[in-house]
Amino acid sequence: MADLSVFSDESFEFIFNPVSNCFIPELEPVWRETFRLLRIGGTLVTGFINPIEYCFDSELAEKGTYRVKYSLPYSDVTSITKYELIRLYGSDEPLEFSHTLEKQIGGQLKAGFKLIDFFEDYWADEKIKDYMPSFIATRSQKT
């Protein structure tokens, strides 16, 4: 996902991008490159974390209390200190970045995709499921 330049234009009919956008700081290159890689009529299915999930104090959220602590878009690089990052997640975890719905969905449209389906899902093991969906998935097509 970080460098798709090794693939030729229109190499694929289907691209599946699981919930992985949270590990990259910029989405525009991903949408631009996946559009380039798909054949006309090809499909992109992508999932992502509901951006609002990143607003909450993670330590309190683990206990079922949801208190807004961070503004969006969230970034492990700019929203918390290095000390907090290590204390909360350890030193081996990848950095995470939230993205607005405008960047997630609007970015696909801006790249040229046509949105053809939309789905929300719930994090089964988390109390947050009582309040809102945790995941969003889109199916887009290169027309």
Protein backbone atom coordinates (compact mmCIF):
# COMPACT_ATOMS: atom_id res chain seq x y z
CA MET A 1 0.00 0.00 0.00
CA ALA A 2 2.91 2.33 0.69
CA ASP A 3 4.37 1.91 -2.80
CA LEU A 4 2.21 0.48 -5.56
CA SER A 5 4.43 1.82 -8.35
CA VAL A 6 5.71 -1.70 -9.12
CA PHE A 7 2.33 -2.57 -10.69
CA SER A 8 1.29 -1.59 -14.21
CA ASP A 9 -1.78 0.51 -14.96
CA GLU A 10 -5.04 -1.46 -14.98
CA SER A 11 -3.40 -4.60 -13.53
CA PHE A 12 -6.33 -5.70 -11.37
CA GLU A 13 -10.08 -6.27 -11.54
CA PHE A 14 -10.52 -6.31 -7.76
CA ILE A 15 -8.61 -4.69 -4.90
CA PHE A 16 -9.40 -5.42 -1.25
CA ASN A 17 -8.03 -2.93 1.27
CA PRO A 18 -8.83 -4.22 4.77
CA VAL A 19 -8.86 -1.99 7.82
CA SER A 20 -5.30 -0.82 7.23
CA ASN A 21 -5.64 2.86 6.33
CA CYS A 22 -5.17 3.66 10.01
CA PHE A 23 -1.47 2.80 9.60
CA ILE A 24 -0.69 5.45 6.97
CA PRO A 25 -0.64 9.22 7.40
CA GLU A 26 -1.91 10.18 3.91
CA LEU A 27 -4.76 8.54 1.99
CA GLU A 28 -4.71 10.45 -1.29
CA PRO A 29 -1.83 8.38 -2.77
CA VAL A 30 -3.65 5.15 -1.90
CA TRP A 31 -6.87 6.19 -3.63
CA ARG A 32 -4.99 7.60 -6.64
CA GLU A 33 -2.89 4.45 -7.04
CA THR A 34 -5.73 1.97 -6.54
CA PHE A 35 -7.71 3.85 -9.18
CA ARG A 36 -4.73 3.65 -11.56
CA LEU A 37 -4.32 -0.08 -10.91
CA LEU A 38 -7.93 -1.07 -11.51
CA ARG A 39 -9.31 -1.91 -14.92
CA ILE A 40 -12.44 -0.10 -16.09
CA GLY A 41 -15.32 -1.75 -14.22
CA GLY A 42 -12.95 -2.93 -11.49
CA THR A 43 -13.96 -2.87 -7.84
CA LEU A 44 -12.27 -1.51 -4.70
CA VAL A 45 -13.55 -2.77 -1.35
CA THR A 46 -12.08 -0.99 1.63
CA GLY A 47 -12.77 -1.01 5.35
CA PHE A 48 -11.78 1.53 7.95
CA ILE A 49 -12.31 2.43 11.58
CA ASN A 50 -15.06 4.94 12.30
CA PRO A 51 -13.03 8.13 12.85
CA ILE A 52 -14.95 9.00 16.03
CA GLU A 53 -13.28 6.01 17.73
CA TYR A 54 -10.08 8.05 17.86
CA CYS A 55 -11.65 10.87 19.88
CA PHE A 56 -11.89 8.92 23.11
CA ASP A 57 -9.44 8.53 25.97
CA SER A 58 -8.24 4.96 25.26
CA GLU A 59 -7.57 4.04 28.89
CA LEU A 60 -11.09 5.02 29.94
CA ALA A 61 -12.61 3.41 26.84
CA GLU A 62 -11.08 0.07 27.83
CA LYS A 63 -13.18 0.35 31.01
CA GLY A 64 -16.34 1.24 29.09
CA THR A 65 -16.25 4.99 29.72
CA TYR A 66 -16.16 7.14 26.60
CA ARG A 67 -14.76 10.60 27.22
CA VAL A 68 -13.68 12.78 24.33
CA LYS A 69 -9.99 13.57 24.64
CA TYR A 70 -8.64 14.07 21.11
CA SER A 71 -9.66 16.14 18.11
CA LEU A 72 -9.78 14.68 14.62
CA PRO A 73 -7.90 13.74 12.69
CA TYR A 74 -5.95 11.88 15.37
CA SER A 75 -2.30 10.90 14.94
CA ASP A 76 0.01 8.93 17.22
CA VAL A 77 2.72 11.31 16.01
CA THR A 78 1.03 14.61 16.92
CA SER A 79 -1.86 13.85 19.29
CA ILE A 80 0.11 12.18 22.08
CA THR A 81 3.66 12.34 23.37
CA LYS A 82 6.24 9.63 22.70
CA TYR A 83 6.06 8.77 26.39
CA GLU A 84 2.28 8.29 26.19
CA LEU A 85 2.64 6.22 23.05
CA ILE A 86 5.04 3.80 24.73
CA ARG A 87 3.03 3.73 27.97
CA LEU A 88 -0.26 3.05 26.19
CA TYR A 89 0.83 0.73 23.39
CA GLY A 90 4.41 -0.37 23.98
CA SER A 91 7.38 0.20 21.71
CA ASP A 92 6.55 -2.41 19.07
CA GLU A 93 3.09 -1.24 17.98
CA PRO A 94 2.69 0.52 14.62
CA LEU A 95 1.70 4.18 14.57
CA GLU A 96 -1.97 4.91 13.96
CA PHE A 97 -3.68 7.77 12.15
CA SER A 98 -7.38 8.51 11.93
CA HIS A 99 -8.80 10.00 8.79
CA THR A 100 -11.94 12.03 8.35
CA LEU A 101 -14.87 10.65 6.37
CA GLU A 102 -14.08 13.32 3.80
CA LYS A 103 -10.61 11.77 3.32
CA GLN A 104 -11.90 8.17 3.44
CA ILE A 105 -15.01 8.41 1.26
CA GLY A 106 -14.53 11.78 -0.41
CA GLY A 107 -10.97 10.78 -1.30
CA GLN A 108 -12.24 7.79 -3.24
CA LEU A 109 -14.70 9.99 -5.12
CA LYS A 110 -12.02 12.61 -5.79
CA ALA A 111 -9.75 9.89 -7.24
CA GLY A 112 -12.52 9.03 -9.72
CA PHE A 113 -14.30 6.12 -8.04
CA LYS A 114 -18.06 5.72 -8.04
CA LEU A 115 -19.37 4.65 -4.62
CA ILE A 116 -21.71 1.70 -5.14
CA ASP A 117 -22.20 0.34 -1.61
CA PHE A 118 -21.68 1.26 2.02
CA PHE A 119 -21.70 -0.89 5.17
CA GLU A 120 -21.26 -0.31 8.91
CA ASP A 121 -20.29 -2.95 11.47
CA TYR A 122 -19.90 -3.14 15.22
CA TRP A 123 -16.92 -4.08 17.38
CA ALA A 124 -18.46 -7.13 19.06
CA ASP A 125 -16.14 -7.20 22.09
CA GLU A 126 -16.40 -3.51 22.97
CA LYS A 127 -19.14 -1.65 24.84
CA ILE A 128 -18.99 1.09 22.18
CA LYS A 129 -21.23 -1.18 20.04
CA ASP A 130 -24.15 -0.01 22.20
CA TYR A 131 -23.67 3.52 20.85
CA MET A 132 -22.33 3.43 17.32
CA PRO A 133 -20.73 1.32 14.61
CA SER A 134 -16.97 0.93 14.89
CA PHE A 135 -16.23 0.07 11.28
CA ILE A 136 -17.22 1.35 7.88
CA ALA A 137 -16.73 -0.41 4.56
CA THR A 138 -17.23 0.90 1.05
CA ARG A 139 -17.44 -0.74 -2.33
CA SER A 140 -16.39 1.53 -5.15
CA GLN A 141 -16.00 1.02 -8.86
CA LYS A 142 -13.81 2.47 -11.56
CA THR A 143 -16.20 3.48 -14.32
